[in-house]
């Protein structure tokens, strides 16, 4: 290759390299948490998942307690006493499970803030 061809190809390569660096910089900025709608969608999905799990735990505790109390009353013949007792225990267990889920720290909430 002659000298003029080499400098022209170097200039083209440098221009191409600069455009690629710019494109990579834009891609990295869009991947930062909270910078794009996709990050917000993931946060919303996580919150909805936690909410549905808490509701399911609460409802499951109440239903399981009521079912155990009802079956215990039929088996022992103690009309509403076991139903009331196990319904109360199931409600307490459901609220405790939902509370423990709500108190649990979310991933990266305080760890990321401490690192910065």
PDB file of N, CA and C in Angstrom:
ATOM      1  N   UNK A   1       0.822  -1.170   0.000  1.00  0.00           N
ATOM      2  CA  UNK A   1       0.000   0.000   0.000  1.00  0.00           C
ATOM      3  C   UNK A   1       0.874   1.244   0.000  1.00  0.00           C
ATOM      4  N   UNK A   2       0.390   2.255  -0.655  1.00  0.00           N
ATOM      5  CA  UNK A   2       1.138   3.507  -0.682  1.00  0.00           C
ATOM      6  C   UNK A   2       0.738   4.353   0.519  1.00  0.00           C
ATOM      7  N   UNK A   3       1.508   5.389   0.800  1.00  0.00           N
ATOM      8  CA  UNK A   3       1.282   6.245   1.959  1.00  0.00           C
ATOM      9  C   UNK A   3      -0.078   6.948   1.927  1.00  0.00           C
ATOM     10  N   UNK A   4      -0.545   7.511   0.799  1.00  0.00           N
ATOM     11  CA  UNK A   4      -1.843   8.187   0.823  1.00  0.00           C
ATOM     12  C   UNK A   4      -2.988   7.214   1.108  1.00  0.00           C
ATOM     13  N   UNK A   5      -2.902   5.998   0.573  1.00  0.00           N
ATOM     14  CA  UNK A   5      -3.956   5.017   0.833  1.00  0.00           C
ATOM     15  C   UNK A   5      -3.989   4.613   2.305  1.00  0.00           C
ATOM     16  N   UNK A   6      -2.816   4.518   2.892  1.00  0.00           N
ATOM     17  CA  UNK A   6      -2.730   4.116   4.289  1.00  0.00           C
ATOM     18  C   UNK A   6      -3.329   5.177   5.205  1.00  0.00           C
ATOM     19  N   UNK A   7      -3.077   6.428   4.958  1.00  0.00           N
ATOM     20  CA  UNK A   7      -3.620   7.491   5.812  1.00  0.00           C
ATOM     21  C   UNK A   7      -5.128   7.616   5.634  1.00  0.00           C
ATOM     22  N   UNK A   8      -5.625   7.382   4.434  1.00  0.00           N
ATOM     23  CA  UNK A   8      -7.073   7.441   4.207  1.00  0.00           C
ATOM     24  C   UNK A   8      -7.767   6.304   4.940  1.00  0.00           C
ATOM     25  N   UNK A   9      -7.174   5.118   4.892  1.00  0.00           N
ATOM     26  CA  UNK A   9      -7.794   3.996   5.590  1.00  0.00           C
ATOM     27  C   UNK A   9      -7.712   4.182   7.103  1.00  0.00           C
ATOM     28  N   UNK A  10      -6.615   4.807   7.594  1.00  0.00           N
ATOM     29  CA  UNK A  10      -6.511   5.102   9.026  1.00  0.00           C
ATOM     30  C   UNK A  10      -7.590   6.083   9.470  1.00  0.00           C
ATOM     31  N   UNK A  11      -7.826   7.087   8.651  1.00  0.00           N
ATOM     32  CA  UNK A  11      -8.853   8.072   8.976  1.00  0.00           C
ATOM     33  C   UNK A  11     -10.227   7.428   9.015  1.00  0.00           C
ATOM     34  N   UNK A  12     -10.504   6.567   8.047  1.00  0.00           N
ATOM     35  CA  UNK A  12     -11.793   5.865   8.013  1.00  0.00           C
ATOM     36  C   UNK A  12     -11.949   4.955   9.230  1.00  0.00           C
ATOM     37  N   UNK A  13     -10.870   4.262   9.568  1.00  0.00           N
ATOM     38  CA  UNK A  13     -10.921   3.370  10.727  1.00  0.00           C
ATOM     39  C   UNK A  13     -11.114   4.141  12.022  1.00  0.00           C
ATOM     40  N   UNK A  14     -10.462   5.297  12.157  1.00  0.00           N
ATOM     41  CA  UNK A  14     -10.626   6.109  13.366  1.00  0.00           C
ATOM     42  C   UNK A  14     -12.059   6.637  13.475  1.00  0.00           C
ATOM     43  N   UNK A  15     -12.620   7.054  12.353  1.00  0.00           N
ATOM     44  CA  UNK A  15     -14.000   7.541  12.361  1.00  0.00           C
ATOM     45  C   UNK A  15     -14.955   6.420  12.741  1.00  0.00           C
ATOM     46  N   UNK A  16     -14.694   5.249  12.204  1.00  0.00           N
ATOM     47  CA  UNK A  16     -15.548   4.099  12.536  1.00  0.00           C
ATOM     48  C   UNK A  16     -15.405   3.719  14.013  1.00  0.00           C
ATOM     49  N   UNK A  17     -14.190   3.758  14.516  1.00  0.00           N
ATOM     50  CA  UNK A  17     -13.944   3.444  15.926  1.00  0.00           C
ATOM     51  C   UNK A  17     -14.653   4.444  16.833  1.00  0.00           C
ATOM     52  N   UNK A  18     -14.589   5.724  16.483  1.00  0.00           N
ATOM     53  CA  UNK A  18     -15.275   6.744  17.286  1.00  0.00           C
ATOM     54  C   UNK A  18     -16.789   6.528  17.291  1.00  0.00           C
ATOM     55  N   UNK A  19     -17.350   6.179  16.138  1.00  0.00           N
ATOM     56  CA  UNK A  19     -18.797   5.945  16.092  1.00  0.00           C
ATOM     57  C   UNK A  19     -19.184   4.711  16.907  1.00  0.00           C
ATOM     58  N   UNK A  20     -18.343   3.692  16.906  1.00  0.00           N
ATOM     59  CA  UNK A  20     -18.622   2.503  17.713  1.00  0.00           C
ATOM     60  C   UNK A  20     -18.534   2.819  19.206  1.00  0.00           C
ATOM     61  N   UNK A  21     -17.544   3.632  19.596  1.00  0.00           N
ATOM     62  CA  UNK A  21     -17.432   4.023  21.004  1.00  0.00           C
ATOM     63  C   UNK A  21     -18.667   4.793  21.459  1.00  0.00           C
ATOM     64  N   UNK A  22     -19.161   5.665  20.599  1.00  0.00           N
ATOM     65  CA  UNK A  22     -20.371   6.425  20.919  1.00  0.00           C
ATOM     66  C   UNK A  22     -21.566   5.491  21.077  1.00  0.00           C
ATOM     67  N   UNK A  23     -21.690   4.532  20.171  1.00  0.00           N
ATOM     68  CA  UNK A  23     -22.809   3.585  20.239  1.00  0.00           C
ATOM     69  C   UNK A  23     -22.726   2.732  21.501  1.00  0.00           C
ATOM     70  N   UNK A  24     -21.520   2.318  21.871  1.00  0.00           N
ATOM     71  CA  UNK A  24     -21.349   1.513  23.089  1.00  0.00           C
ATOM     72  C   UNK A  24     -21.696   2.344  24.318  1.00  0.00           C
ATOM     73  N   UNK A  25     -21.300   3.599  24.331  1.00  0.00           N
ATOM     74  CA  UNK A  25     -21.625   4.484  25.454  1.00  0.00           C
ATOM     75  C   UNK A  25     -23.123   4.639  25.623  1.00  0.00           C
ATOM     76  N   UNK A  26     -23.856   4.769  24.526  1.00  0.00           N
ATOM     77  CA  UNK A  26     -25.311   4.868  24.601  1.00  0.00           C
ATOM     78  C   UNK A  26     -25.923   3.574  25.114  1.00  0.00           C
ATOM     79  N   UNK A  27     -25.397   2.448  24.684  1.00  0.00           N
ATOM     80  CA  UNK A  27     -25.927   1.150  25.126  1.00  0.00           C
ATOM     81  C   UNK A  27     -25.697   0.952  26.620  1.00  0.00           C
ATOM     82  N   UNK A  28     -24.526   1.374  27.123  1.00  0.00           N
ATOM     83  CA  UNK A  28     -24.245   1.228  28.548  1.00  0.00           C
ATOM     84  C   UNK A  28     -25.142   2.126  29.384  1.00  0.00           C
ATOM     85  N   UNK A  29     -25.437   3.333  28.905  1.00  0.00           N
ATOM     86  CA  UNK A  29     -26.322   4.229  29.641  1.00  0.00           C
ATOM     87  C   UNK A  29     -27.734   3.682  29.730  1.00  0.00           C
ATOM     88  N   UNK A  30     -28.191   3.042  28.661  1.00  0.00           N
ATOM     89  CA  UNK A  30     -29.559   2.514  28.674  1.00  0.00           C
ATOM     90  C   UNK A  30     -29.685   1.268  29.540  1.00  0.00           C
ATOM     91  N   UNK A  31     -28.576   0.614  29.864  1.00  0.00           N
ATOM     92  CA  UNK A  31     -28.624  -0.585  30.700  1.00  0.00           C
ATOM     93  C   UNK A  31     -28.605  -0.273  32.186  1.00  0.00           C
ATOM     94  N   UNK A  32     -28.365   0.992  32.569  1.00  0.00           N
ATOM     95  CA  UNK A  32     -28.332   1.352  33.979  1.00  0.00           C
ATOM     96  C   UNK A  32     -29.723   1.202  34.574  1.00  0.00           C
ATOM     97  N   UNK A  33     -29.812   0.756  35.852  1.00  0.00           N
ATOM     98  CA  UNK A  33     -31.123   0.577  36.468  1.00  0.00           C
ATOM     99  C   UNK A  33     -31.876   1.901  36.564  1.00  0.00           C
ATOM    100  N   UNK A  34     -33.132   1.857  36.209  1.00  0.00           N
ATOM    101  CA  UNK A  34     -33.979   3.025  36.294  1.00  0.00           C
ATOM    102  C   UNK A  34     -33.844   3.972  35.119  1.00  0.00           C
ATOM    103  N   UNK A  35     -32.910   3.715  34.200  1.00  0.00           N
ATOM    104  CA  UNK A  35     -32.704   4.616  33.077  1.00  0.00           C
ATOM    105  C   UNK A  35     -33.664   4.332  31.936  1.00  0.00           C
ATOM    106  N   UNK A  36     -34.214   3.152  31.909  1.00  0.00           N
ATOM    107  CA  UNK A  36     -35.085   2.795  30.803  1.00  0.00           C
ATOM    108  C   UNK A  36     -36.412   2.267  31.329  1.00  0.00           C
ATOM    109  N   UNK A  37     -37.431   2.248  30.492  1.00  0.00           N
ATOM    110  CA  UNK A  37     -38.714   1.686  30.929  1.00  0.00           C
ATOM    111  C   UNK A  37     -38.616   0.211  31.297  1.00  0.00           C
ATOM    112  N   UNK A  38     -37.659  -0.503  30.714  1.00  0.00           N
ATOM    113  CA  UNK A  38     -37.517  -1.926  31.048  1.00  0.00           C
ATOM    114  C   UNK A  38     -37.153  -2.110  32.516  1.00  0.00           C
ATOM    115  N   UNK A  39     -36.331  -1.214  33.069  1.00  0.00           N
ATOM    116  CA  UNK A  39     -35.972  -1.286  34.485  1.00  0.00           C
ATOM    117  C   UNK A  39     -37.172  -1.049  35.373  1.00  0.00           C
ATOM    118  N   UNK A  40     -38.036  -0.109  34.961  1.00  0.00           N
ATOM    119  CA  UNK A  40     -39.251   0.161  35.731  1.00  0.00           C
ATOM    120  C   UNK A  40     -40.211  -1.013  35.652  1.00  0.00           C
ATOM    121  N   UNK A  41     -40.275  -1.666  34.497  1.00  0.00           N
ATOM    122  CA  UNK A  41     -41.144  -2.829  34.348  1.00  0.00           C
ATOM    123  C   UNK A  41     -40.697  -3.962  35.257  1.00  0.00           C
ATOM    124  N   UNK A  42     -39.384  -4.154  35.372  1.00  0.00           N
ATOM    125  CA  UNK A  42     -38.882  -5.214  36.246  1.00  0.00           C
ATOM    126  C   UNK A  42     -39.186  -4.907  37.705  1.00  0.00           C
ATOM    127  N   UNK A  43     -39.067  -3.642  38.095  1.00  0.00           N
ATOM    128  CA  UNK A  43     -39.362  -3.261  39.476  1.00  0.00           C
ATOM    129  C   UNK A  43     -40.843  -3.458  39.769  1.00  0.00           C
ATOM    130  N   UNK A  44     -41.693  -3.083  38.811  1.00  0.00           N
ATOM    131  CA  UNK A  44     -43.133  -3.257  38.990  1.00  0.00           C
ATOM    132  C   UNK A  44     -43.493  -4.735  39.070  1.00  0.00           C
ATOM    133  N   UNK A  45     -42.863  -5.546  38.225  1.00  0.00           N
ATOM    134  CA  UNK A  45     -43.128  -6.989  38.246  1.00  0.00           C
ATOM    135  C   UNK A  45     -42.695  -7.597  39.574  1.00  0.00           C
ATOM    136  N   UNK A  46     -41.569  -7.160  40.109  1.00  0.00           N
ATOM    137  CA  UNK A  46     -41.115  -7.666  41.406  1.00  0.00           C
ATOM    138  C   UNK A  46     -42.046  -7.276  42.528  1.00  0.00           C
ATOM    139  N   UNK A  47     -42.533  -6.031  42.483  1.00  0.00           N
ATOM    140  CA  UNK A  47     -43.462  -5.572  43.516  1.00  0.00           C
ATOM    141  C   UNK A  47     -44.786  -6.322  43.429  1.00  0.00           C
ATOM    142  N   UNK A  48     -45.266  -6.532  42.210  1.00  0.00           N
ATOM    143  CA  UNK A  48     -46.523  -7.270  42.052  1.00  0.00           C
ATOM    144  C   UNK A  48     -46.363  -8.713  42.501  1.00  0.00           C
ATOM    145  N   UNK A  49     -45.229  -9.302  42.215  1.00  0.00           N
ATOM    146  CA  UNK A  49     -44.973 -10.674  42.633  1.00  0.00           C
ATOM    147  C   UNK A  49     -44.979 -10.781  44.153  1.00  0.00           C
ATOM    148  N   UNK A  50     -44.330  -9.837  44.820  1.00  0.00           N
ATOM    149  CA  UNK A  50     -44.315  -9.850  46.285  1.00  0.00           C
ATOM    150  C   UNK A  50     -45.709  -9.631  46.856  1.00  0.00           C
ATOM    151  N   UNK A  51     -46.472  -8.752  46.241  1.00  0.00           N
ATOM    152  CA  UNK A  51     -47.835  -8.495  46.709  1.00  0.00           C
ATOM    153  C   UNK A  51     -48.738  -9.698  46.554  1.00  0.00           C
ATOM    154  N   UNK A  52     -48.651 -10.354  45.394  1.00  0.00           N
ATOM    155  CA  UNK A  52     -49.465 -11.550  45.188  1.00  0.00           C
ATOM    156  C   UNK A  52     -49.051 -12.668  46.132  1.00  0.00           C
ATOM    157  N   UNK A  53     -47.751 -12.778  46.405  1.00  0.00           N
ATOM    158  CA  UNK A  53     -47.297 -13.823  47.321  1.00  0.00           C
ATOM    159  C   UNK A  53     -47.805 -13.551  48.738  1.00  0.00           C
ATOM    160  N   UNK A  54     -47.767 -12.287  49.166  1.00  0.00           N
ATOM    161  CA  UNK A  54     -48.271 -11.948  50.499  1.00  0.00           C
ATOM    162  C   UNK A  54     -49.765 -12.238  50.603  1.00  0.00           C
ATOM    163  N   UNK A  55     -50.514 -11.881  49.565  1.00  0.00           N
ATOM    164  CA  UNK A  55     -51.956 -12.143  49.580  1.00  0.00           C
ATOM    165  C   UNK A  55     -52.247 -13.636  49.589  1.00  0.00           C
ATOM    166  N   UNK A  56     -51.475 -14.394  48.842  1.00  0.00           N
ATOM    167  CA  UNK A  56     -51.655 -15.842  48.797  1.00  0.00           C
ATOM    168  C   UNK A  56     -51.317 -16.483  50.140  1.00  0.00           C
ATOM    169  N   UNK A  57     -50.236 -16.020  50.765  1.00  0.00           N
ATOM    170  CA  UNK A  57     -49.872 -16.551  52.083  1.00  0.00           C
ATOM    171  C   UNK A  57     -50.957 -16.259  53.109  1.00  0.00           C
ATOM    172  N   UNK A  58     -51.491 -15.046  53.068  1.00  0.00           N
ATOM    173  CA  UNK A  58     -52.542 -14.676  54.015  1.00  0.00           C
ATOM    174  C   UNK A  58     -53.801 -15.508  53.786  1.00  0.00           C
ATOM    175  N   UNK A  59     -54.244 -15.581  52.539  1.00  0.00           N
ATOM    176  CA  UNK A  59     -55.453 -16.351  52.228  1.00  0.00           C
ATOM    177  C   UNK A  59     -55.244 -17.842  52.506  1.00  0.00           C
ATOM    178  N   UNK A  60     -54.070 -18.345  52.201  1.00  0.00           N
ATOM    179  CA  UNK A  60     -53.778 -19.762  52.440  1.00  0.00           C
ATOM    180  C   UNK A  60     -53.811 -20.105  53.916  1.00  0.00           C
ATOM    181  N   UNK A  61     -53.272 -19.227  54.758  1.00  0.00           N
ATOM    182  CA  UNK A  61     -53.309 -19.467  56.203  1.00  0.00           C
ATOM    183  C   UNK A  61     -54.724 -19.491  56.738  1.00  0.00           C
ATOM    184  N   UNK A  62     -55.531 -18.552  56.276  1.00  0.00           N
ATOM    185  CA  UNK A  62     -56.923 -18.485  56.741  1.00  0.00           C
ATOM    186  C   UNK A  62     -57.717 -19.704  56.271  1.00  0.00           C
ATOM    187  N   UNK A  63     -57.571 -20.055  55.008  1.00  0.00           N
ATOM    188  CA  UNK A  63     -58.313 -21.204  54.462  1.00  0.00           C
ATOM    189  C   UNK A  63     -57.866 -22.508  55.107  1.00  0.00           C
ATOM    190  N   UNK A  64     -56.560 -22.678  55.285  1.00  0.00           N
ATOM    191  CA  UNK A  64     -56.067 -23.913  55.907  1.00  0.00           C
ATOM    192  C   UNK A  64     -56.553 -24.029  57.352  1.00  0.00           C
ATOM    193  N   UNK A  65     -56.527 -22.925  58.096  1.00  0.00           N
ATOM    194  CA  UNK A  65     -57.014 -22.948  59.473  1.00  0.00           C
ATOM    195  C   UNK A  65     -58.490 -23.272  59.550  1.00  0.00           C
ATOM    196  N   UNK A  66     -59.273 -22.663  58.665  1.00  0.00           N
ATOM    197  CA  UNK A  66     -60.713 -22.927  58.657  1.00  0.00           C
ATOM    198  C   UNK A  66     -61.000 -24.381  58.293  1.00  0.00           C
ATOM    199  N   UNK A  67     -60.299 -24.899  57.318  1.00  0.00           N
ATOM    200  CA  UNK A  67     -60.507 -26.284  56.886  1.00  0.00           C
ATOM    201  C   UNK A  67     -60.126 -27.265  57.997  1.00  0.00           C
ATOM    202  N   UNK A  68     -58.980 -27.050  58.629  1.00  0.00           N
ATOM    203  CA  UNK A  68     -58.576 -27.940  59.721  1.00  0.00           C
ATOM    204  C   UNK A  68     -59.561 -27.864  60.890  1.00  0.00           C
ATOM    205  N   UNK A  69     -60.009 -26.667  61.212  1.00  0.00           N
ATOM    206  CA  UNK A  69     -60.983 -26.522  62.301  1.00  0.00           C
ATOM    207  C   UNK A  69     -62.310 -27.182  61.982  1.00  0.00           C
ATOM    208  N   UNK A  70     -62.777 -27.011  60.751  1.00  0.00           N
ATOM    209  CA  UNK A  70     -64.047 -27.622  60.350  1.00  0.00           C
ATOM    210  C   UNK A  70     -63.958 -29.146  60.394  1.00  0.00           C
ATOM    211  N   UNK A  71     -62.869 -29.707  59.851  1.00  0.00           N
ATOM    212  CA  UNK A  71     -62.704 -31.159  59.853  1.00  0.00           C
ATOM    213  C   UNK A  71     -62.526 -31.696  61.271  1.00  0.00           C
ATOM    214  N   UNK A  72     -61.810 -30.955  62.112  1.00  0.00           N
ATOM    215  CA  UNK A  72     -61.647 -31.366  63.508  1.00  0.00           C
ATOM    216  C   UNK A  72     -62.965 -31.357  64.263  1.00  0.00           C
ATOM    217  N   UNK A  73     -63.799 -30.357  63.986  1.00  0.00           N
ATOM    218  CA  UNK A  73     -65.123 -30.292  64.624  1.00  0.00           C
ATOM    219  C   UNK A  73     -66.012 -31.443  64.178  1.00  0.00           C
ATOM    220  N   UNK A  74     -65.951 -31.795  62.904  1.00  0.00           N
ATOM    221  CA  UNK A  74     -66.766 -32.928  62.431  1.00  0.00           C
ATOM    222  C   UNK A  74     -66.292 -34.236  63.037  1.00  0.00           C
ATOM    223  N   UNK A  75     -64.994 -34.395  63.174  1.00  0.00           N
ATOM    224  CA  UNK A  75     -64.441 -35.647  63.678  1.00  0.00           C
ATOM    225  C   UNK A  75     -64.697 -35.796  65.177  1.00  0.00           C
ATOM    226  N   UNK A  76     -64.535 -34.709  65.951  1.00  0.00           N
ATOM    227  CA  UNK A  76     -64.691 -34.783  67.402  1.00  0.00           C
ATOM    228  C   UNK A  76     -66.085 -34.385  67.886  1.00  0.00           C
ATOM    229  N   UNK A  77     -66.863 -33.748  67.012  1.00  0.00           N
ATOM    230  CA  UNK A  77     -68.207 -33.359  67.404  1.00  0.00           C
ATOM    231  C   UNK A  77     -68.255 -32.124  68.287  1.00  0.00           C
ATOM    232  N   UNK A  78     -67.261 -31.292  68.223  1.00  0.00           N
ATOM    233  CA  UNK A  78     -67.229 -30.047  69.013  1.00  0.00           C
ATOM    234  C   UNK A  78     -67.545 -28.889  68.082  1.00  0.00           C
ATOM    235  N   UNK A  79     -68.800 -28.625  67.911  1.00  0.00           N
ATOM    236  CA  UNK A  79     -69.326 -27.791  66.824  1.00  0.00           C
ATOM    237  C   UNK A  79     -68.462 -26.600  66.415  1.00  0.00           C
ATOM    238  N   UNK A  80     -68.513 -25.427  67.009  1.00  0.00           N
ATOM    239  CA  UNK A  80     -67.743 -24.349  66.394  1.00  0.00           C
ATOM    240  C   UNK A  80     -66.395 -24.074  67.060  1.00  0.00           C
ATOM    241  N   UNK A  81     -66.038 -24.811  68.098  1.00  0.00           N
ATOM    242  CA  UNK A  81     -64.872 -24.442  68.897  1.00  0.00           C
ATOM    243  C   UNK A  81     -63.552 -24.611  68.164  1.00  0.00           C
ATOM    244  N   UNK A  82     -63.343 -25.759  67.541  1.00  0.00           N
ATOM    245  CA  UNK A  82     -62.092 -25.966  66.816  1.00  0.00           C
ATOM    246  C   UNK A  82     -62.028 -25.090  65.551  1.00  0.00           C
ATOM    247  N   UNK A  83     -63.180 -24.861  64.945  1.00  0.00           N
ATOM    248  CA  UNK A  83     -63.210 -23.981  63.770  1.00  0.00           C
ATOM    249  C   UNK A  83     -62.728 -22.585  64.147  1.00  0.00           C
ATOM    250  N   UNK A  84     -63.236 -22.059  65.250  1.00  0.00           N
ATOM    251  CA  UNK A  84     -62.831 -20.718  65.687  1.00  0.00           C
ATOM    252  C   UNK A  84     -61.354 -20.691  66.077  1.00  0.00           C
ATOM    253  N   UNK A  85     -60.915 -21.712  66.804  1.00  0.00           N
ATOM    254  CA  UNK A  85     -59.520 -21.750  67.255  1.00  0.00           C
ATOM    255  C   UNK A  85     -58.554 -21.857  66.076  1.00  0.00           C
ATOM    256  N   UNK A  86     -58.820 -22.785  65.158  1.00  0.00           N
ATOM    257  CA  UNK A  86     -57.909 -22.962  64.025  1.00  0.00           C
ATOM    258  C   UNK A  86     -58.018 -21.816  63.016  1.00  0.00           C
ATOM    259  N   UNK A  87     -59.169 -21.197  62.922  1.00  0.00           N
ATOM    260  CA  UNK A  87     -59.314 -20.025  62.068  1.00  0.00           C
ATOM    261  C   UNK A  87     -58.448 -18.884  62.608  1.00  0.00           C
ATOM    262  N   UNK A  88     -58.449 -18.712  63.933  1.00  0.00           N
ATOM    263  CA  UNK A  88     -57.597 -17.687  64.540  1.00  0.00           C
ATOM    264  C   UNK A  88     -56.118 -18.006  64.326  1.00  0.00           C
ATOM    265  N   UNK A  89     -55.745 -19.285  64.523  1.00  0.00           N
ATOM    266  CA  UNK A  89     -54.342 -19.670  64.302  1.00  0.00           C
ATOM    267  C   UNK A  89     -53.934 -19.494  62.842  1.00  0.00           C
ATOM    268  N   UNK A  90     -54.810 -19.854  61.924  1.00  0.00           N
ATOM    269  CA  UNK A  90     -54.506 -19.692  60.503  1.00  0.00           C
ATOM    270  C   UNK A  90     -54.362 -18.233  60.109  1.00  0.00           C
ATOM    271  N   UNK A  91     -55.201 -17.381  60.687  1.00  0.00           N
ATOM    272  CA  UNK A  91     -55.105 -15.947  60.418  1.00  0.00           C
ATOM    273  C   UNK A  91     -53.801 -15.379  60.952  1.00  0.00           C
ATOM    274  N   UNK A  92     -53.439 -15.770  62.151  1.00  0.00           N
ATOM    275  CA  UNK A  92     -52.169 -15.319  62.731  1.00  0.00           C
ATOM    276  C   UNK A  92     -50.998 -15.801  61.880  1.00  0.00           C
ATOM    277  N   UNK A  93     -51.031 -17.057  61.459  1.00  0.00           N
ATOM    278  CA  UNK A  93     -49.948 -17.593  60.630  1.00  0.00           C
ATOM    279  C   UNK A  93     -49.878 -16.871  59.279  1.00  0.00           C
ATOM    280  N   UNK A  94     -51.035 -16.566  58.680  1.00  0.00           N
ATOM    281  CA  UNK A  94     -51.051 -15.854  57.410  1.00  0.00           C
ATOM    282  C   UNK A  94     -50.494 -14.450  57.530  1.00  0.00           C
ATOM    283  N   UNK A  95     -50.905 -13.724  58.582  1.00  0.00           N
ATOM    284  CA  UNK A  95     -50.378 -12.378  58.798  1.00  0.00           C
ATOM    285  C   UNK A  95     -48.888 -12.407  59.099  1.00  0.00           C
ATOM    286  N   UNK A  96     -48.448 -13.396  59.854  1.00  0.00           N
ATOM    287  CA  UNK A  96     -47.017 -13.504  60.179  1.00  0.00           C
ATOM    288  C   UNK A  96     -46.201 -13.754  58.914  1.00  0.00           C
ATOM    289  N   UNK A  97     -46.696 -14.621  58.057  1.00  0.00           N
ATOM    290  CA  UNK A  97     -45.992 -14.909  56.810  1.00  0.00           C
ATOM    291  C   UNK A  97     -45.950 -13.681  55.901  1.00  0.00           C
ATOM    292  N   UNK A  98     -47.061 -12.957  55.799  1.00  0.00           N
ATOM    293  CA  UNK A  98     -47.092 -11.748  54.975  1.00  0.00           C
ATOM    294  C   UNK A  98     -46.189 -10.675  55.569  1.00  0.00           C
ATOM    295  N   UNK A  99     -46.154 -10.552  56.888  1.00  0.00           N
ATOM    296  CA  UNK A  99     -45.285  -9.581  57.542  1.00  0.00           C
ATOM    297  C   UNK A  99     -43.812  -9.904  57.283  1.00  0.00           C
ATOM    298  N   UNK A 100     -43.453 -11.168  57.412  1.00  0.00           N
ATOM    299  CA  UNK A 100     -42.060 -11.558  57.180  1.00  0.00           C
ATOM    300  C   UNK A 100     -41.645 -11.299  55.739  1.00  0.00           C
ATOM    301  N   UNK A 101     -42.576 -11.463  54.813  1.00  0.00           N
ATOM    302  CA  UNK A 101     -42.277 -11.169  53.418  1.00  0.00           C
ATOM    303  C   UNK A 101     -42.097  -9.667  53.216  1.00  0.00           C
ATOM    304  N   UNK A 102     -42.885  -8.859  53.895  1.00  0.00           N
ATOM    305  CA  UNK A 102     -42.775  -7.414  53.750  1.00  0.00           C
ATOM    306  C   UNK A 102     -41.550  -6.829  54.415  1.00  0.00           C
ATOM    307  N   UNK A 103     -41.075  -7.436  55.479  1.00  0.00           N
ATOM    308  CA  UNK A 103     -39.906  -6.937  56.195  1.00  0.00           C
ATOM    309  C   UNK A 103     -38.602  -7.329  55.493  1.00  0.00           C
ATOM    310  N   UNK A 104     -38.645  -8.384  54.710  1.00  0.00           N
ATOM    311  CA  UNK A 104     -37.445  -8.875  54.030  1.00  0.00           C
ATOM    312  C   UNK A 104     -36.870  -7.787  53.131  1.00  0.00           C
ATOM    313  N   UNK A 105     -35.552  -7.532  53.213  1.00  0.00           N
ATOM    314  CA  UNK A 105     -34.960  -6.486  52.368  1.00  0.00           C
ATOM    315  C   UNK A 105     -34.988  -6.889  50.899  1.00  0.00           C
ATOM    316  N   UNK A 106     -35.196  -5.900  50.041  1.00  0.00           N
ATOM    317  CA  UNK A 106     -35.192  -6.167  48.608  1.00  0.00           C
ATOM    318  C   UNK A 106     -33.766  -6.248  48.119  1.00  0.00           C
ATOM    319  N   UNK A 107     -33.558  -6.878  46.995  1.00  0.00           N
ATOM    320  CA  UNK A 107     -32.207  -7.070  46.483  1.00  0.00           C
ATOM    321  C   UNK A 107     -31.632  -5.746  46.014  1.00  0.00           C
ATOM    322  N   UNK A 108     -30.484  -5.386  46.582  1.00  0.00           N
ATOM    323  CA  UNK A 108     -29.751  -4.220  46.137  1.00  0.00           C
ATOM    324  C   UNK A 108     -30.238  -2.894  46.660  1.00  0.00           C
ATOM    325  N   UNK A 109     -31.187  -2.842  47.563  1.00  0.00           N
ATOM    326  CA  UNK A 109     -31.706  -1.551  47.997  1.00  0.00           C
ATOM    327  C   UNK A 109     -30.711  -0.822  48.901  1.00  0.00           C
ATOM    328  N   UNK A 110     -30.212  -1.464  49.942  1.00  0.00           N
ATOM    329  CA  UNK A 110     -29.291  -0.800  50.846  1.00  0.00           C
ATOM    330  C   UNK A 110     -27.843  -1.112  50.508  1.00  0.00           C
ATOM    331  N   UNK A 111     -27.584  -2.252  49.922  1.00  0.00           N
ATOM    332  CA  UNK A 111     -26.208  -2.611  49.567  1.00  0.00           C
ATOM    333  C   UNK A 111     -25.658  -1.672  48.514  1.00  0.00           C
ATOM    334  N   UNK A 112     -26.450  -1.332  47.499  1.00  0.00           N
ATOM    335  CA  UNK A 112     -26.000  -0.435  46.452  1.00  0.00           C
ATOM    336  C   UNK A 112     -25.779   0.972  46.981  1.00  0.00           C
ATOM    337  N   UNK A 113     -26.630   1.414  47.884  1.00  0.00           N
ATOM    338  CA  UNK A 113     -26.493   2.749  48.442  1.00  0.00           C
ATOM    339  C   UNK A 113     -25.239   2.846  49.316  1.00  0.00           C
ATOM    340  N   UNK A 114     -24.901   1.782  50.024  1.00  0.00           N
ATOM    341  CA  UNK A 114     -23.717   1.788  50.878  1.00  0.00           C
ATOM    342  C   UNK A 114     -22.431   1.773  50.054  1.00  0.00           C
ATOM    343  N   UNK A 115     -22.454   1.148  48.894  1.00  0.00           N
ATOM    344  CA  UNK A 115     -21.253   1.062  48.059  1.00  0.00           C
ATOM    345  C   UNK A 115     -20.931   2.379  47.383  1.00  0.00           C
ATOM    346  N   UNK A 116     -21.942   3.209  47.142  1.00  0.00           N
ATOM    347  CA  UNK A 116     -21.716   4.465  46.410  1.00  0.00           C
ATOM    348  C   UNK A 116     -21.148   5.534  47.258  1.00  0.00           C
TER     349      UNK A 116
END
